Amino acid sequence: MAETPVQYGAERSYAAAGEITTAKLLGQVMFLVAVALGFTAAGTVIGRDLSQGAALTCSLVGLGMLLVASFAPSQRLRVGGFAIFWLLALSLLIGLGLGPAIAYFTQVDPTALTQAAGGTALIVAGMGALGFTLSKDLARWMRPLSLLVLGAVGVSLVMLMLGSAGNPILSLVIAIASALLILVDFNFLRKHGTEDHAVMLATGIFVSIINIFISLLNLFSSR
């Protein structure tokens, strides 16, 4: 099973206005993450009968939207209502891209699907809690970890276009880096987060969750 993980934010801005309590910001971020995951789930249902080419196109467009949001100079893609719309649109596209693969595993290997979902939930909960409680400021690790994920995703996409199956080592690297990014995101939320960071953080956490899920799905299905 080839994988198409996604990446967000090789570099993130730490300066933003808008004071907000940590609890309220956490609530906003996790609500956005939940809605984004809901759009992705809907996309997998809608796109379950897509051809491989159409699914790949949706994945690439979704990845492109993530990169635009990461590197575009305009804050409009990272703050406010349009940024939320952008996040939900790319979430739907990612779901459409995953649709045929999820449909395949549902019929052929539902155990791997269940294990990947459960493993993702445990990793996200554990790394999120750890990042939220650590006293050390981990913000400086955002850039190197994001660049690591970007490099691994680039290799993965090349493999996918060449028709190669998902590489277990590459899947493990992406899963570990994405898990560490979740830790850093929650740490950043507690130490530096403002209301203007809500969509940025939600996008980063959402993308890491998708990456972990895809990576675990490849690992469990290749056993």
Protein backbone atom coordinates (compact mmCIF):
# COMPACT_ATOMS: atom_id res chain seq x y z
CA MET A 1 0.00 0.00 0.00
CA ALA A 2 1.61 3.28 -1.08
CA GLU A 3 1.26 6.26 1.20
CA THR A 4 0.64 9.94 0.61
CA PRO A 5 1.42 11.66 3.90
CA VAL A 6 1.09 15.40 4.20
CA GLN A 7 3.14 18.15 5.76
CA TYR A 8 2.40 21.56 7.18
CA GLY A 9 4.59 24.49 7.95
CA ALA A 10 8.30 24.08 7.34
CA GLU A 11 8.51 27.40 9.13
CA ARG A 12 5.92 29.00 11.41
CA SER A 13 5.55 32.53 12.69
CA TYR A 14 5.63 32.84 16.48
CA ALA A 15 4.47 36.45 16.75
CA ALA A 16 0.74 37.03 16.80
CA ALA A 17 -1.72 39.31 18.50
CA GLY A 18 -4.84 38.34 20.41
CA GLU A 19 -4.64 37.34 24.05
CA ILE A 20 -6.65 34.30 25.08
CA THR A 21 -6.64 31.85 27.98
CA THR A 22 -4.83 28.58 27.37
CA ALA A 23 -7.96 26.54 28.07
CA LYS A 24 -10.03 28.54 25.59
CA LEU A 25 -7.34 28.33 22.92
CA LEU A 26 -7.03 24.58 23.46
CA GLY A 27 -10.80 24.26 23.04
CA GLN A 28 -10.76 26.27 19.81
CA VAL A 29 -7.84 24.32 18.36
CA MET A 30 -9.26 20.89 19.18
CA PHE A 31 -12.69 21.88 17.86
CA LEU A 32 -11.09 22.84 14.54
CA VAL A 33 -9.10 19.60 14.50
CA ALA A 34 -12.28 17.59 15.13
CA VAL A 35 -14.17 19.38 12.34
CA ALA A 36 -11.25 18.91 9.94
CA LEU A 37 -11.12 15.19 10.74
CA GLY A 38 -14.89 15.04 10.18
CA PHE A 39 -14.44 16.56 6.71
CA THR A 40 -11.68 14.05 5.99
CA ALA A 41 -13.91 11.17 7.09
CA ALA A 42 -16.70 12.47 4.86
CA GLY A 43 -14.21 12.69 2.01
CA THR A 44 -13.20 9.05 2.42
CA VAL A 45 -16.85 8.03 2.08
CA ILE A 46 -17.50 10.27 -0.94
CA GLY A 47 -14.25 9.25 -2.64
CA ARG A 48 -14.30 5.52 -2.00
CA ASP A 49 -15.01 4.75 -5.67
CA LEU A 50 -12.53 7.22 -7.18
CA SER A 51 -9.91 5.94 -9.59
CA GLN A 52 -6.29 5.81 -8.41
CA GLY A 53 -5.44 8.77 -10.64
CA ALA A 54 -8.30 10.90 -9.33
CA ALA A 55 -7.46 10.03 -5.72
CA LEU A 56 -3.80 10.93 -6.28
CA THR A 57 -4.83 14.23 -7.83
CA CYS A 58 -6.96 15.08 -4.79
CA SER A 59 -4.05 14.20 -2.48
CA LEU A 60 -1.62 16.35 -4.44
CA VAL A 61 -4.02 19.31 -4.53
CA GLY A 62 -4.54 18.98 -0.77
CA LEU A 63 -0.78 18.84 -0.23
CA GLY A 64 -0.37 21.89 -2.46
CA MET A 65 -2.93 23.81 -0.41
CA LEU A 66 -0.99 22.93 2.75
CA LEU A 67 2.24 24.21 1.27
CA VAL A 68 0.57 27.42 0.11
CA ALA A 69 -0.80 27.99 3.61
CA SER A 70 2.67 27.33 5.02
CA PHE A 71 4.70 29.60 2.80
CA ALA A 72 2.30 32.26 1.47
CA PRO A 73 3.18 35.72 2.86
CA SER A 74 -0.49 36.56 3.44
CA GLN A 75 -1.80 35.89 6.94
CA ARG A 76 -5.26 35.38 5.42
CA LEU A 77 -4.47 31.68 4.94
CA ARG A 78 -3.47 31.27 8.58
CA VAL A 79 -5.78 33.58 10.55
CA GLY A 80 -9.53 34.15 10.39
CA GLY A 81 -12.56 32.78 8.58
CA PHE A 82 -10.93 32.25 5.20
CA ALA A 83 -8.12 30.26 6.85
CA ILE A 84 -10.73 27.99 8.44
CA PHE A 85 -12.41 27.51 5.05
CA TRP A 86 -8.99 26.69 3.54
CA LEU A 87 -8.32 24.11 6.27
CA LEU A 88 -11.69 22.40 5.76
CA ALA A 89 -11.32 22.38 1.97
CA LEU A 90 -7.91 20.71 2.11
CA SER A 91 -9.21 18.29 4.75
CA LEU A 92 -11.97 17.21 2.35
CA LEU A 93 -9.47 16.80 -0.49
CA ILE A 94 -7.19 14.68 1.67
CA GLY A 95 -10.18 12.52 2.57
CA LEU A 96 -11.11 12.12 -1.10
CA GLY A 97 -7.54 11.05 -1.81
CA LEU A 98 -7.67 8.47 0.98
CA GLY A 99 -11.12 7.19 -0.03
CA PRO A 100 -10.12 4.24 -2.24
CA ALA A 101 -7.41 3.10 0.20
CA ILE A 102 -9.79 3.20 3.17
CA ALA A 103 -12.42 1.32 1.15
CA TYR A 104 -9.80 -1.30 0.25
CA PHE A 105 -8.71 -1.84 3.85
CA THR A 106 -12.32 -1.92 5.04
CA GLN A 107 -12.93 -4.92 2.80
CA VAL A 108 -9.54 -6.66 2.78
CA ASP A 109 -7.79 -5.84 6.08
CA PRO A 110 -10.14 -4.15 8.58
CA THR A 111 -7.88 -5.19 11.45
CA ALA A 112 -5.04 -3.00 10.16
CA LEU A 113 -7.50 -0.11 9.83
CA THR A 114 -8.69 -0.55 13.43
CA GLN A 115 -5.14 -0.89 14.76
CA ALA A 116 -3.99 2.21 12.87
CA ALA A 117 -6.91 4.27 14.20
CA GLY A 118 -6.38 3.06 17.78
CA GLY A 119 -2.62 3.55 17.62
CA THR A 120 -3.08 7.06 16.25
CA ALA A 121 -5.46 7.98 19.06
CA LEU A 122 -3.03 6.70 21.72
CA ILE A 123 -0.03 8.50 20.20
CA VAL A 124 -1.88 11.79 19.82
CA ALA A 125 -3.22 11.65 23.38
CA GLY A 126 0.16 10.73 24.84
CA MET A 127 2.27 13.22 22.90
CA GLY A 128 -0.29 15.99 23.35
CA ALA A 129 -0.38 15.49 27.12
CA LEU A 130 3.40 15.32 27.32
CA GLY A 131 3.88 18.46 25.24
CA PHE A 132 1.31 20.32 27.31
CA THR A 133 2.97 19.43 30.62
CA LEU A 134 6.66 19.83 29.72
CA SER A 135 8.22 22.93 31.23
CA LYS A 136 10.90 23.21 28.53
CA ASP A 137 10.13 25.49 25.56
CA LEU A 138 10.26 23.33 22.42
CA ALA A 139 9.34 25.98 19.84
CA ARG A 140 12.77 25.87 18.20
CA TRP A 141 12.16 22.26 17.11
CA MET A 142 9.21 23.18 14.86
CA ARG A 143 11.35 24.03 11.85
CA PRO A 144 13.78 21.06 11.85
CA LEU A 145 11.01 18.53 12.51
CA SER A 146 8.82 20.03 9.80
CA LEU A 147 11.71 19.96 7.34
CA LEU A 148 12.33 16.31 8.23
CA VAL A 149 8.68 15.47 7.53
CA LEU A 150 8.78 17.48 4.30
CA GLY A 151 11.81 15.53 3.07
CA ALA A 152 10.27 12.18 3.96
CA VAL A 153 6.96 13.15 2.34
CA GLY A 154 8.78 14.19 -0.82
CA VAL A 155 10.48 10.78 -1.05
CA SER A 156 7.16 9.07 -0.32
CA LEU A 157 5.37 10.96 -3.10
CA VAL A 158 8.09 10.04 -5.59
CA MET A 159 7.74 6.39 -4.59
CA LEU A 160 3.97 6.63 -4.96
CA MET A 161 4.22 8.12 -8.46
CA LEU A 162 6.64 5.33 -9.43
CA GLY A 163 4.13 2.78 -8.19
CA SER A 164 6.24 1.56 -5.27
CA ALA A 165 4.66 0.17 -2.12
CA GLY A 166 4.90 2.02 1.14
CA ASN A 167 8.33 1.66 2.76
CA PRO A 168 8.15 0.58 6.44
CA ILE A 169 11.26 2.57 7.40
CA LEU A 170 9.92 5.71 5.72
CA SER A 171 6.53 5.19 7.38
CA LEU A 172 8.24 4.86 10.77
CA VAL A 173 10.27 8.05 10.22
CA ILE A 174 7.15 10.02 9.25
CA ALA A 175 5.18 8.63 12.19
CA ILE A 176 7.90 9.49 14.72
CA ALA A 177 8.51 12.98 13.31
CA SER A 178 4.76 13.70 13.20
CA ALA A 179 4.32 12.48 16.78
CA LEU A 180 7.13 14.79 17.91
CA LEU A 181 5.49 17.67 16.02
CA ILE A 182 2.29 17.08 18.00
CA LEU A 183 4.33 17.29 21.19
CA VAL A 184 5.88 20.57 19.99
CA ASP A 185 2.52 21.99 18.86
CA PHE A 186 0.88 21.41 22.26
CA ASN A 187 3.94 22.80 24.01
CA PHE A 188 3.81 25.89 21.79
CA LEU A 189 0.07 26.26 22.45
CA ARG A 190 0.63 26.42 26.20
CA LYS A 191 3.70 28.66 26.15
CA HIS A 192 3.18 31.01 23.19
CA GLY A 193 -0.31 30.46 21.80
CA THR A 194 -2.66 33.35 21.04
CA GLU A 195 -6.02 33.40 19.30
CA ASP A 196 -4.28 34.16 16.00
CA HIS A 197 -2.42 30.85 16.27
CA ALA A 198 -5.60 28.72 16.49
CA VAL A 199 -5.93 27.78 12.80
CA MET A 200 -2.17 27.30 12.39
CA LEU A 201 -1.98 24.95 15.37
CA ALA A 202 -5.14 23.09 14.33
CA THR A 203 -3.73 22.57 10.85
CA GLY A 204 -0.43 21.31 12.19
CA ILE A 205 -2.07 18.88 14.62
CA PHE A 206 -4.56 17.69 11.98
CA VAL A 207 -1.80 17.03 9.45
CA SER A 208 0.29 15.16 12.03
CA ILE A 209 -2.70 12.97 12.90
CA ILE A 210 -3.25 12.10 9.24
CA ASN A 211 0.45 11.35 8.78
CA ILE A 212 0.55 9.07 11.83
CA PHE A 213 -2.59 7.24 10.73
CA ILE A 214 -1.31 6.65 7.18
CA SER A 215 2.09 5.54 8.46
CA LEU A 216 0.63 3.11 10.99
CA LEU A 217 -1.75 1.76 8.36
CA ASN A 218 1.22 0.97 6.12
CA LEU A 219 3.14 -0.58 9.00
CA PHE A 220 0.28 -2.78 10.22
CA SER A 221 -0.71 -3.85 6.72
CA SER A 222 2.84 -4.85 5.78
CA ARG A 223 3.36 -7.19 8.75
